[in-house]
Amino acid sequence: MPRHFSRLAGAVALTWGLATGVAGAQQQEPAGADDQRLAPRDVQRLFDAYVLMQAQERLVLTDQQYPQFLQRLKTLQDVRRQTQQARAAIIQELARGVSGKPGVSLDEAGLRDRMRRLREIDEHGLADVRRACDAIDQILDVQQQARFRVFEEQMERRKVELVLRARQNARANRRGALAHSEP
């Protein structure tokens, strides 16, 4: 029971930090202090840790399931992040390729190659995610599998809410900094 309590306390602390830390850091720092703010990858790592801590309670995992689940969920998170990063890189190449700027634009063959690579990344990413989800399902019963799908959706919505709140706070801070800098 003490281990369960410490995980719950950690999850509460991390949730509070996610909800207030990013926005608070943006509100308290002067406009030029970008180096004091959390980088997006740091926020993602914090959120991933929050998800991991919440999983045992939300899915009602046994002590025997938890270590395997933890490892497999981290694998799933890594696969998704790697696919997203690879996809974003190709999209950036496509954006530069169709920008119309001399020396940067891609010809048809270059665009076709990037589009082919994007399809490959999407296909491999889906297959890798499917394998990672299957690995998780192997250690969960049907009830837990259903809870996991619901849990993932809830966590994704929570992440979107946090990102939107952080952006709103950043915009409000920029407006406030502009108002203070005007004579």
N, C-alpha and C. Protein backbone atom coordinates (compact mmCIF):
# COMPACT_ATOMS: atom_id res chain seq x y z
N MET A 1 0.80 -1.21 0.00
CA MET A 1 0.00 0.00 0.00
C MET A 1 0.85 1.27 0.00
N PRO A 2 1.96 1.34 0.74
CA PRO A 2 2.77 2.55 0.70
C PRO A 2 3.30 2.84 -0.70
N ARG A 3 3.66 1.81 -1.47
CA ARG A 3 4.16 2.03 -2.82
C ARG A 3 3.07 2.64 -3.69
N HIS A 4 1.84 2.16 -3.53
CA HIS A 4 0.71 2.69 -4.28
C HIS A 4 0.49 4.17 -3.92
N PHE A 5 0.60 4.48 -2.64
CA PHE A 5 0.42 5.86 -2.20
C PHE A 5 1.51 6.76 -2.76
N SER A 6 2.74 6.28 -2.79
CA SER A 6 3.82 7.12 -3.31
C SER A 6 3.66 7.37 -4.81
N ARG A 7 3.17 6.36 -5.54
CA ARG A 7 2.90 6.59 -6.97
C ARG A 7 1.79 7.61 -7.16
N LEU A 8 0.74 7.50 -6.34
CA LEU A 8 -0.37 8.45 -6.42
C LEU A 8 0.10 9.86 -6.07
N ALA A 9 0.91 9.97 -5.01
CA ALA A 9 1.43 11.29 -4.62
C ALA A 9 2.31 11.86 -5.74
N GLY A 10 3.13 11.01 -6.35
CA GLY A 10 3.96 11.46 -7.47
C GLY A 10 3.12 11.92 -8.64
N ALA A 11 2.06 11.20 -8.93
CA ALA A 11 1.17 11.57 -10.04
C ALA A 11 0.50 12.90 -9.77
N VAL A 12 0.06 13.11 -8.54
CA VAL A 12 -0.57 14.38 -8.18
C VAL A 12 0.43 15.52 -8.34
N ALA A 13 1.65 15.31 -7.85
CA ALA A 13 2.67 16.35 -7.96
C ALA A 13 3.01 16.64 -9.42
N LEU A 14 3.12 15.60 -10.22
CA LEU A 14 3.44 15.79 -11.62
C LEU A 14 2.30 16.47 -12.36
N THR A 15 1.06 16.08 -12.05
CA THR A 15 -0.09 16.73 -12.67
C THR A 15 -0.10 18.21 -12.34
N TRP A 16 0.12 18.53 -11.10
CA TRP A 16 0.15 19.93 -10.69
C TRP A 16 1.26 20.66 -11.43
N GLY A 17 2.42 20.01 -11.52
CA GLY A 17 3.53 20.63 -12.22
C GLY A 17 3.24 20.86 -13.69
N LEU A 18 2.59 19.89 -14.32
CA LEU A 18 2.24 20.04 -15.73
C LEU A 18 1.21 21.14 -15.92
N ALA A 19 0.22 21.17 -15.05
CA ALA A 19 -0.86 22.13 -15.20
C ALA A 19 -0.41 23.55 -14.91
N THR A 20 0.50 23.72 -13.95
CA THR A 20 0.88 25.07 -13.55
C THR A 20 2.29 25.44 -13.94
N GLY A 21 3.17 24.46 -14.02
CA GLY A 21 4.58 24.74 -14.25
C GLY A 21 4.87 25.40 -15.58
N VAL A 22 4.34 24.85 -16.64
CA VAL A 22 4.61 25.41 -17.97
C VAL A 22 3.99 26.79 -18.08
N ALA A 23 2.74 26.90 -17.70
CA ALA A 23 2.07 28.20 -17.78
C ALA A 23 2.69 29.18 -16.81
N GLY A 24 3.00 28.71 -15.61
CA GLY A 24 3.58 29.59 -14.60
C GLY A 24 4.95 30.08 -15.02
N ALA A 25 5.74 29.20 -15.58
CA ALA A 25 7.07 29.60 -16.03
C ALA A 25 6.95 30.66 -17.12
N GLN A 26 5.97 30.50 -17.99
CA GLN A 26 5.79 31.47 -19.05
C GLN A 26 5.28 32.79 -18.50
N GLN A 27 4.45 32.76 -17.48
CA GLN A 27 3.91 33.99 -16.92
C GLN A 27 4.94 34.75 -16.12
N GLN A 28 5.82 34.05 -15.41
CA GLN A 28 6.74 34.70 -14.50
C GLN A 28 8.01 35.18 -15.19
N GLU A 29 8.37 34.60 -16.30
CA GLU A 29 9.62 34.95 -16.95
C GLU A 29 9.45 36.17 -17.83
N PRO A 30 10.44 37.04 -17.87
CA PRO A 30 10.39 38.17 -18.79
C PRO A 30 10.39 37.70 -20.23
N ALA A 31 9.98 38.59 -21.12
CA ALA A 31 9.80 38.23 -22.52
C ALA A 31 11.05 37.64 -23.15
N GLY A 32 12.25 38.03 -22.75
CA GLY A 32 13.47 37.55 -23.37
C GLY A 32 14.07 36.33 -22.71
N ALA A 33 13.45 35.75 -21.72
CA ALA A 33 14.06 34.66 -20.95
C ALA A 33 13.64 33.29 -21.46
N ASP A 34 13.76 33.07 -22.76
CA ASP A 34 13.34 31.80 -23.34
C ASP A 34 14.11 30.61 -22.79
N ASP A 35 15.37 30.84 -22.35
CA ASP A 35 16.17 29.73 -21.87
C ASP A 35 15.66 29.18 -20.54
N GLN A 36 14.79 29.89 -19.84
CA GLN A 36 14.25 29.45 -18.57
C GLN A 36 12.98 28.60 -18.74
N ARG A 37 12.42 28.57 -19.91
CA ARG A 37 11.18 27.83 -20.15
C ARG A 37 11.49 26.39 -20.50
N LEU A 38 10.49 25.53 -20.25
CA LEU A 38 10.64 24.12 -20.60
C LEU A 38 10.56 23.96 -22.10
N ALA A 39 11.45 23.16 -22.64
CA ALA A 39 11.42 22.85 -24.06
C ALA A 39 10.27 21.87 -24.31
N PRO A 40 9.71 21.87 -25.52
CA PRO A 40 8.61 20.94 -25.81
C PRO A 40 8.96 19.48 -25.52
N ARG A 41 10.20 19.08 -25.79
CA ARG A 41 10.57 17.68 -25.51
C ARG A 41 10.56 17.40 -24.00
N ASP A 42 10.91 18.41 -23.18
CA ASP A 42 10.87 18.23 -21.73
C ASP A 42 9.43 18.10 -21.23
N VAL A 43 8.54 18.90 -21.81
CA VAL A 43 7.13 18.80 -21.46
C VAL A 43 6.60 17.42 -21.85
N GLN A 44 7.00 16.94 -23.03
CA GLN A 44 6.57 15.61 -23.48
C GLN A 44 7.07 14.53 -22.53
N ARG A 45 8.31 14.64 -22.09
CA ARG A 45 8.86 13.65 -21.15
C ARG A 45 8.09 13.67 -19.83
N LEU A 46 7.79 14.86 -19.34
CA LEU A 46 7.01 14.97 -18.11
C LEU A 46 5.64 14.33 -18.28
N PHE A 47 5.02 14.60 -19.41
CA PHE A 47 3.69 14.04 -19.65
C PHE A 47 3.76 12.52 -19.77
N ASP A 48 4.77 12.01 -20.44
CA ASP A 48 4.95 10.56 -20.55
C ASP A 48 5.11 9.93 -19.17
N ALA A 49 5.87 10.59 -18.31
CA ALA A 49 6.05 10.08 -16.95
C ALA A 49 4.72 10.09 -16.18
N TYR A 50 3.95 11.13 -16.39
CA TYR A 50 2.62 11.23 -15.76
C TYR A 50 1.74 10.07 -16.21
N VAL A 51 1.73 9.78 -17.50
CA VAL A 51 0.94 8.68 -18.04
C VAL A 51 1.37 7.36 -17.41
N LEU A 52 2.67 7.16 -17.33
CA LEU A 52 3.18 5.92 -16.74
C LEU A 52 2.74 5.76 -15.28
N MET A 53 2.78 6.86 -14.54
CA MET A 53 2.38 6.78 -13.13
C MET A 53 0.89 6.54 -12.96
N GLN A 54 0.10 7.06 -13.85
CA GLN A 54 -1.35 6.91 -13.75
C GLN A 54 -1.82 5.52 -14.18
N ALA A 55 -1.03 4.85 -14.98
CA ALA A 55 -1.46 3.60 -15.61
C ALA A 55 -1.84 2.52 -14.60
N GLN A 56 -1.03 2.31 -13.59
CA GLN A 56 -1.33 1.20 -12.67
C GLN A 56 -2.69 1.39 -12.01
N GLU A 57 -2.94 2.59 -11.56
CA GLU A 57 -4.23 2.85 -10.88
C GLU A 57 -5.40 2.77 -11.86
N ARG A 58 -5.27 3.42 -12.99
CA ARG A 58 -6.38 3.50 -13.93
C ARG A 58 -6.71 2.16 -14.56
N LEU A 59 -5.68 1.34 -14.81
CA LEU A 59 -5.89 0.05 -15.46
C LEU A 59 -6.04 -1.09 -14.47
N VAL A 60 -5.85 -0.79 -13.19
CA VAL A 60 -5.89 -1.79 -12.13
C VAL A 60 -4.90 -2.92 -12.44
N LEU A 61 -3.66 -2.51 -12.65
CA LEU A 61 -2.60 -3.47 -12.94
C LEU A 61 -2.13 -4.12 -11.65
N THR A 62 -1.79 -5.39 -11.76
CA THR A 62 -1.21 -6.09 -10.61
C THR A 62 0.27 -5.71 -10.51
N ASP A 63 0.85 -6.02 -9.38
CA ASP A 63 2.28 -5.77 -9.21
C ASP A 63 3.11 -6.58 -10.19
N GLN A 64 2.60 -7.73 -10.62
CA GLN A 64 3.32 -8.55 -11.59
C GLN A 64 3.21 -7.95 -13.00
N GLN A 65 2.08 -7.35 -13.32
CA GLN A 65 1.89 -6.77 -14.65
C GLN A 65 2.64 -5.45 -14.83
N TYR A 66 2.73 -4.68 -13.76
CA TYR A 66 3.22 -3.31 -13.87
C TYR A 66 4.60 -3.19 -14.52
N PRO A 67 5.62 -3.95 -14.12
CA PRO A 67 6.93 -3.77 -14.75
C PRO A 67 6.92 -4.05 -16.26
N GLN A 68 6.22 -5.12 -16.66
CA GLN A 68 6.13 -5.43 -18.09
C GLN A 68 5.36 -4.33 -18.82
N PHE A 69 4.24 -3.90 -18.22
CA PHE A 69 3.43 -2.86 -18.83
C PHE A 69 4.24 -1.58 -18.99
N LEU A 70 4.98 -1.23 -17.95
CA LEU A 70 5.79 -0.02 -17.96
C LEU A 70 6.76 -0.04 -19.13
N GLN A 71 7.47 -1.14 -19.29
CA GLN A 71 8.44 -1.28 -20.38
C GLN A 71 7.75 -1.20 -21.74
N ARG A 72 6.63 -1.87 -21.88
CA ARG A 72 5.94 -1.90 -23.17
C ARG A 72 5.27 -0.57 -23.50
N LEU A 73 4.77 0.12 -22.49
CA LEU A 73 4.19 1.44 -22.75
C LEU A 73 5.26 2.43 -23.16
N LYS A 74 6.42 2.36 -22.52
CA LYS A 74 7.53 3.23 -22.93
C LYS A 74 7.92 2.95 -24.38
N THR A 75 7.90 1.69 -24.77
CA THR A 75 8.20 1.33 -26.16
C THR A 75 7.16 1.95 -27.09
N LEU A 76 5.89 1.85 -26.73
CA LEU A 76 4.83 2.45 -27.54
C LEU A 76 5.02 3.96 -27.66
N GLN A 77 5.30 4.61 -26.55
CA GLN A 77 5.52 6.05 -26.57
C GLN A 77 6.72 6.42 -27.46
N ASP A 78 7.79 5.65 -27.36
CA ASP A 78 8.98 5.90 -28.18
C ASP A 78 8.67 5.72 -29.67
N VAL A 79 7.95 4.66 -30.01
CA VAL A 79 7.60 4.40 -31.41
C VAL A 79 6.77 5.56 -31.96
N ARG A 80 5.80 5.98 -31.20
CA ARG A 80 4.96 7.10 -31.66
C ARG A 80 5.77 8.37 -31.83
N ARG A 81 6.64 8.66 -30.88
CA ARG A 81 7.44 9.88 -30.95
C ARG A 81 8.40 9.83 -32.14
N GLN A 82 9.06 8.68 -32.35
CA GLN A 82 10.00 8.55 -33.47
C GLN A 82 9.28 8.70 -34.80
N THR A 83 8.11 8.10 -34.91
CA THR A 83 7.34 8.22 -36.15
C THR A 83 6.92 9.67 -36.37
N GLN A 84 6.47 10.31 -35.32
CA GLN A 84 6.05 11.71 -35.43
C GLN A 84 7.22 12.61 -35.84
N GLN A 85 8.40 12.38 -35.26
CA GLN A 85 9.57 13.19 -35.61
C GLN A 85 10.00 12.96 -37.05
N ALA A 86 10.01 11.71 -37.48
CA ALA A 86 10.39 11.40 -38.86
C ALA A 86 9.39 12.01 -39.84
N ARG A 87 8.13 11.92 -39.49
CA ARG A 87 7.08 12.48 -40.33
C ARG A 87 7.21 14.01 -40.42
N ALA A 88 7.45 14.64 -39.29
CA ALA A 88 7.60 16.10 -39.26
C ALA A 88 8.79 16.56 -40.11
N ALA A 89 9.87 15.79 -40.09
CA ALA A 89 11.04 16.15 -40.88
C ALA A 89 10.72 16.10 -42.37
N ILE A 90 9.99 15.08 -42.81
CA ILE A 90 9.62 14.97 -44.23
C ILE A 90 8.65 16.10 -44.60
N ILE A 91 7.71 16.39 -43.72
CA ILE A 91 6.77 17.48 -44.00
C ILE A 91 7.52 18.80 -44.15
N GLN A 92 8.53 19.03 -43.32
CA GLN A 92 9.34 20.25 -43.45
C GLN A 92 10.06 20.28 -44.80
N GLU A 93 10.60 19.13 -45.21
CA GLU A 93 11.24 19.07 -46.52
C GLU A 93 10.25 19.38 -47.63
N LEU A 94 9.04 18.84 -47.50
CA LEU A 94 8.01 19.13 -48.50
C LEU A 94 7.65 20.61 -48.50
N ALA A 95 7.53 21.21 -47.33
CA ALA A 95 7.19 22.63 -47.24
C ALA A 95 8.26 23.48 -47.91
N ARG A 96 9.53 23.15 -47.64
CA ARG A 96 10.61 23.89 -48.31
C ARG A 96 10.59 23.62 -49.80
N GLY A 97 10.26 22.39 -50.17
CA GLY A 97 10.27 22.01 -51.58
C GLY A 97 9.20 22.68 -52.41
N VAL A 98 8.11 23.07 -51.79
CA VAL A 98 7.04 23.73 -52.54
C VAL A 98 6.97 25.22 -52.22
N SER A 99 7.99 25.75 -51.57
CA SER A 99 7.97 27.16 -51.16
C SER A 99 8.08 28.12 -52.33
N GLY A 100 8.63 27.66 -53.44
CA GLY A 100 8.79 28.53 -54.60
C GLY A 100 10.05 29.36 -54.54
N LYS A 101 10.84 29.21 -53.49
CA LYS A 101 12.09 29.97 -53.38
C LYS A 101 13.14 29.35 -54.28
N PRO A 102 13.88 30.17 -55.01
CA PRO A 102 14.94 29.65 -55.89
C PRO A 102 16.00 28.90 -55.09
N GLY A 103 16.42 27.76 -55.61
CA GLY A 103 17.46 26.97 -54.97
C GLY A 103 16.97 26.08 -53.84
N VAL A 104 15.70 26.25 -53.44
CA VAL A 104 15.16 25.45 -52.34
C VAL A 104 14.07 24.52 -52.85
N SER A 105 13.33 24.97 -53.84
CA SER A 105 12.21 24.19 -54.35
C SER A 105 12.68 22.88 -54.95
N LEU A 106 11.83 21.86 -54.81
CA LEU A 106 12.14 20.54 -55.35
C LEU A 106 11.44 20.36 -56.70
N ASP A 107 12.09 19.60 -57.57
CA ASP A 107 11.45 19.25 -58.83
C ASP A 107 10.46 18.12 -58.57
N GLU A 108 9.77 17.70 -59.61
CA GLU A 108 8.77 16.65 -59.45
C GLU A 108 9.35 15.37 -58.89
N ALA A 109 10.52 15.00 -59.35
CA ALA A 109 11.15 13.77 -58.86
C ALA A 109 11.46 13.87 -57.37
N GLY A 110 11.94 15.03 -56.94
CA GLY A 110 12.24 15.24 -55.52
C GLY A 110 10.98 15.20 -54.68
N LEU A 111 9.90 15.81 -55.18
CA LEU A 111 8.63 15.78 -54.46
C LEU A 111 8.08 14.36 -54.38
N ARG A 112 8.17 13.62 -55.48
CA ARG A 112 7.69 12.23 -55.48
C ARG A 112 8.47 11.39 -54.46
N ASP A 113 9.79 11.62 -54.42
CA ASP A 113 10.62 10.88 -53.47
C ASP A 113 10.21 11.18 -52.03
N ARG A 114 9.98 12.45 -51.71
CA ARG A 114 9.57 12.82 -50.35
C ARG A 114 8.19 12.24 -50.02
N MET A 115 7.29 12.26 -51.00
CA MET A 115 5.96 11.70 -50.78
C MET A 115 6.04 10.18 -50.56
N ARG A 116 6.91 9.50 -51.31
CA ARG A 116 7.11 8.07 -51.12
C ARG A 116 7.66 7.80 -49.72
N ARG A 117 8.64 8.59 -49.30
CA ARG A 117 9.22 8.41 -47.97
C ARG A 117 8.18 8.67 -46.88
N LEU A 118 7.32 9.65 -47.10
CA LEU A 118 6.27 9.96 -46.13
C LEU A 118 5.31 8.77 -46.00
N ARG A 119 4.91 8.19 -47.12
CA ARG A 119 4.04 7.00 -47.09
C ARG A 119 4.72 5.85 -46.36
N GLU A 120 6.00 5.65 -46.62
CA GLU A 120 6.74 4.58 -45.95
C GLU A 120 6.79 4.81 -44.43
N ILE A 121 7.04 6.03 -44.04
CA ILE A 121 7.07 6.36 -42.60
C ILE A 121 5.70 6.09 -41.98
N ASP A 122 4.64 6.52 -42.67
CA ASP A 122 3.29 6.29 -42.15
C ASP A 122 3.00 4.79 -42.02
N GLU A 123 3.33 4.03 -43.05
CA GLU A 123 3.06 2.58 -43.03
C GLU A 123 3.87 1.88 -41.96
N HIS A 124 5.16 2.18 -41.90
CA HIS A 124 6.01 1.55 -40.88
C HIS A 124 5.57 1.98 -39.48
N GLY A 125 5.23 3.24 -39.34
CA GLY A 125 4.78 3.75 -38.04
C GLY A 125 3.52 3.05 -37.56
N LEU A 126 2.55 2.89 -38.46
CA LEU A 126 1.32 2.19 -38.08
C LEU A 126 1.60 0.74 -37.68
N ALA A 127 2.46 0.08 -38.45
CA ALA A 127 2.80 -1.32 -38.14
C ALA A 127 3.54 -1.40 -36.80
N ASP A 128 4.46 -0.48 -36.55
CA ASP A 128 5.20 -0.48 -35.29
C ASP A 128 4.29 -0.20 -34.10
N VAL A 129 3.36 0.74 -34.27
CA VAL A 129 2.40 1.04 -33.19
C VAL A 129 1.51 -0.17 -32.94
N ARG A 130 1.07 -0.80 -34.00
CA ARG A 130 0.23 -1.99 -33.86
C ARG A 130 0.97 -3.08 -33.09
N ARG A 131 2.24 -3.31 -33.43
CA ARG A 131 3.03 -4.32 -32.71
C ARG A 131 3.21 -3.94 -31.24
N ALA A 132 3.46 -2.67 -30.97
CA ALA A 132 3.64 -2.23 -29.58
C ALA A 132 2.33 -2.37 -28.80
N CYS A 133 1.20 -2.06 -29.42
CA CYS A 133 -0.10 -2.23 -28.75
C CYS A 133 -0.40 -3.71 -28.52
N ASP A 134 -0.08 -4.55 -29.50
CA ASP A 134 -0.27 -5.99 -29.32
C ASP A 134 0.57 -6.51 -28.16
N ALA A 135 1.78 -6.01 -28.02
CA ALA A 135 2.65 -6.43 -26.91
C ALA A 135 2.04 -6.03 -25.57
N ILE A 136 1.45 -4.87 -25.52
CA ILE A 136 0.78 -4.43 -24.29
C ILE A 136 -0.43 -5.32 -24.02
N ASP A 137 -1.21 -5.58 -25.06
CA ASP A 137 -2.42 -6.41 -24.90
C ASP A 137 -2.09 -7.82 -24.40
N GLN A 138 -0.91 -8.32 -24.71
CA GLN A 138 -0.52 -9.66 -24.28
C GLN A 138 -0.47 -9.81 -22.76
N ILE A 139 -0.23 -8.72 -22.05
CA ILE A 139 -0.14 -8.81 -20.60
C ILE A 139 -1.40 -8.31 -19.89
N LEU A 140 -2.38 -7.82 -20.67
CA LEU A 140 -3.61 -7.30 -20.08
C LEU A 140 -4.78 -8.24 -20.36
N ASP A 141 -5.73 -8.28 -19.42
CA ASP A 141 -6.96 -9.00 -19.72
C ASP A 141 -7.87 -8.08 -20.54
N VAL A 142 -9.01 -8.58 -20.96
CA VAL A 142 -9.89 -7.82 -21.86
C VAL A 142 -10.38 -6.54 -21.21
N GLN A 143 -10.74 -6.60 -19.92
CA GLN A 143 -11.17 -5.39 -19.21
C GLN A 143 -10.08 -4.34 -19.20
N GLN A 144 -8.86 -4.77 -18.93
CA GLN A 144 -7.73 -3.85 -18.89
C GLN A 144 -7.43 -3.28 -20.28
N GLN A 145 -7.60 -4.11 -21.30
CA GLN A 145 -7.37 -3.62 -22.66
C GLN A 145 -8.36 -2.51 -22.99
N ALA A 146 -9.61 -2.71 -22.61
CA ALA A 146 -10.62 -1.67 -22.85
C ALA A 146 -10.29 -0.42 -22.05
N ARG A 147 -9.92 -0.60 -20.79
CA ARG A 147 -9.54 0.56 -19.96
C ARG A 147 -8.35 1.29 -20.56
N PHE A 148 -7.40 0.53 -21.12
CA PHE A 148 -6.21 1.14 -21.72
C PHE A 148 -6.59 2.02 -22.91
N ARG A 149 -7.51 1.54 -23.76
CA ARG A 149 -7.92 2.35 -24.91
C ARG A 149 -8.59 3.64 -24.45
N VAL A 150 -9.44 3.55 -23.45
CA VAL A 150 -10.11 4.74 -22.91
C VAL A 150 -9.08 5.66 -22.26
N PHE A 151 -8.18 5.07 -21.49
CA PHE A 151 -7.12 5.81 -20.81
C PHE A 151 -6.26 6.58 -21.80
N GLU A 152 -5.85 5.91 -22.87
CA GLU A 152 -5.03 6.60 -23.89
C GLU A 152 -5.75 7.80 -24.48
N GLU A 153 -7.02 7.62 -24.78
CA GLU A 153 -7.80 8.73 -25.35
C GLU A 153 -7.91 9.89 -24.37
N GLN A 154 -8.15 9.59 -23.11
CA GLN A 154 -8.24 10.62 -22.08
C GLN A 154 -6.91 11.35 -21.92
N MET A 155 -5.82 10.60 -21.94
CA MET A 155 -4.50 11.22 -21.80
C MET A 155 -4.18 12.11 -23.00
N GLU A 156 -4.57 11.67 -24.18
CA GLU A 156 -4.33 12.49 -25.38
C GLU A 156 -5.12 13.80 -25.29
N ARG A 157 -6.38 13.70 -24.86
CA ARG A 157 -7.19 14.93 -24.69
C ARG A 157 -6.56 15.85 -23.65
N ARG A 158 -6.07 15.27 -22.57
CA ARG A 158 -5.44 16.07 -21.51
C ARG A 158 -4.20 16.77 -22.03
N LYS A 159 -3.42 16.07 -22.86
CA LYS A 159 -2.22 16.67 -23.43
C LYS A 159 -2.59 17.86 -24.32
N VAL A 160 -3.61 17.69 -25.14
CA VAL A 160 -4.05 18.78 -26.01
C VAL A 160 -4.51 19.97 -25.18
N GLU A 161 -5.26 19.71 -24.12
CA GLU A 161 -5.71 20.79 -23.23
C GLU A 161 -4.53 21.54 -22.63
N LEU A 162 -3.52 20.82 -22.18
CA LEU A 162 -2.34 21.47 -21.59
C LEU A 162 -1.59 22.31 -22.61
N VAL A 163 -1.46 21.79 -23.83
CA VAL A 163 -0.78 22.54 -24.88
C VAL A 163 -1.56 23.82 -25.21
N LEU A 164 -2.87 23.70 -25.33
CA LEU A 164 -3.69 24.87 -25.63
C LEU A 164 -3.60 25.91 -24.51
N ARG A 165 -3.65 25.44 -23.27
CA ARG A 165 -3.55 26.36 -22.13
C ARG A 165 -2.20 27.07 -22.11
N ALA A 166 -1.14 26.33 -22.39
CA ALA A 166 0.19 26.93 -22.42
C ALA A 166 0.29 27.97 -23.53
N ARG A 167 -0.28 27.68 -24.69
CA ARG A 167 -0.26 28.65 -25.79
C ARG A 167 -1.06 29.89 -25.45
N GLN A 168 -2.22 29.70 -24.83
CA GLN A 168 -3.04 30.85 -24.44
C GLN A 168 -2.29 31.72 -23.43
N ASN A 169 -1.64 31.09 -22.48
CA ASN A 169 -0.87 31.84 -21.49
C ASN A 169 0.30 32.57 -22.14
N ALA A 170 0.95 31.93 -23.10
CA ALA A 170 2.06 32.56 -23.79
C ALA A 170 1.58 33.79 -24.57
N ARG A 171 0.44 33.66 -25.24
CA ARG A 171 -0.12 34.82 -25.97
C ARG A 171 -0.47 35.95 -25.01
N ALA A 172 -1.11 35.59 -23.90
CA ALA A 172 -1.48 36.60 -22.90
C ALA A 172 -0.23 37.28 -22.35
N ASN A 173 0.83 36.52 -22.13
CA ASN A 173 2.08 37.10 -21.63
C ASN A 173 2.71 38.04 -22.64
N ARG A 174 2.65 37.65 -23.92
CA ARG A 174 3.20 38.53 -24.96
C ARG A 174 2.41 39.83 -25.03
N ARG A 175 1.09 39.72 -24.95
CA ARG A 175 0.27 40.94 -24.97
C ARG A 175 0.57 41.81 -23.75
N GLY A 176 0.73 41.18 -22.59
CA GLY A 176 1.04 41.91 -21.37
C GLY A 176 2.41 42.57 -21.46
N ALA A 177 3.38 41.87 -22.02
CA ALA A 177 4.73 42.44 -22.17
C ALA A 177 4.71 43.60 -23.14
N LEU A 178 3.92 43.50 -24.20
CA LEU A 178 3.81 44.60 -25.15
C LEU A 178 3.14 45.81 -24.51
N ALA A 179 2.11 45.56 -23.71
CA ALA A 179 1.41 46.66 -23.04
C ALA A 179 2.33 47.37 -22.06
N HIS A 180 3.20 46.63 -21.39
CA HIS A 180 4.12 47.24 -20.42
C HIS A 180 5.25 47.99 -21.09
N SER A 181 5.60 47.59 -22.32
CA SER A 181 6.72 48.22 -22.99
C SER A 181 6.31 49.49 -23.75
N GLU A 182 5.01 49.69 -23.95
CA GLU A 182 4.54 50.90 -24.64
C GLU A 182 4.54 52.07 -23.68
N PRO A 183 4.96 53.27 -24.17
CA PRO A 183 5.00 54.46 -23.30
C PRO A 183 3.64 54.97 -22.94
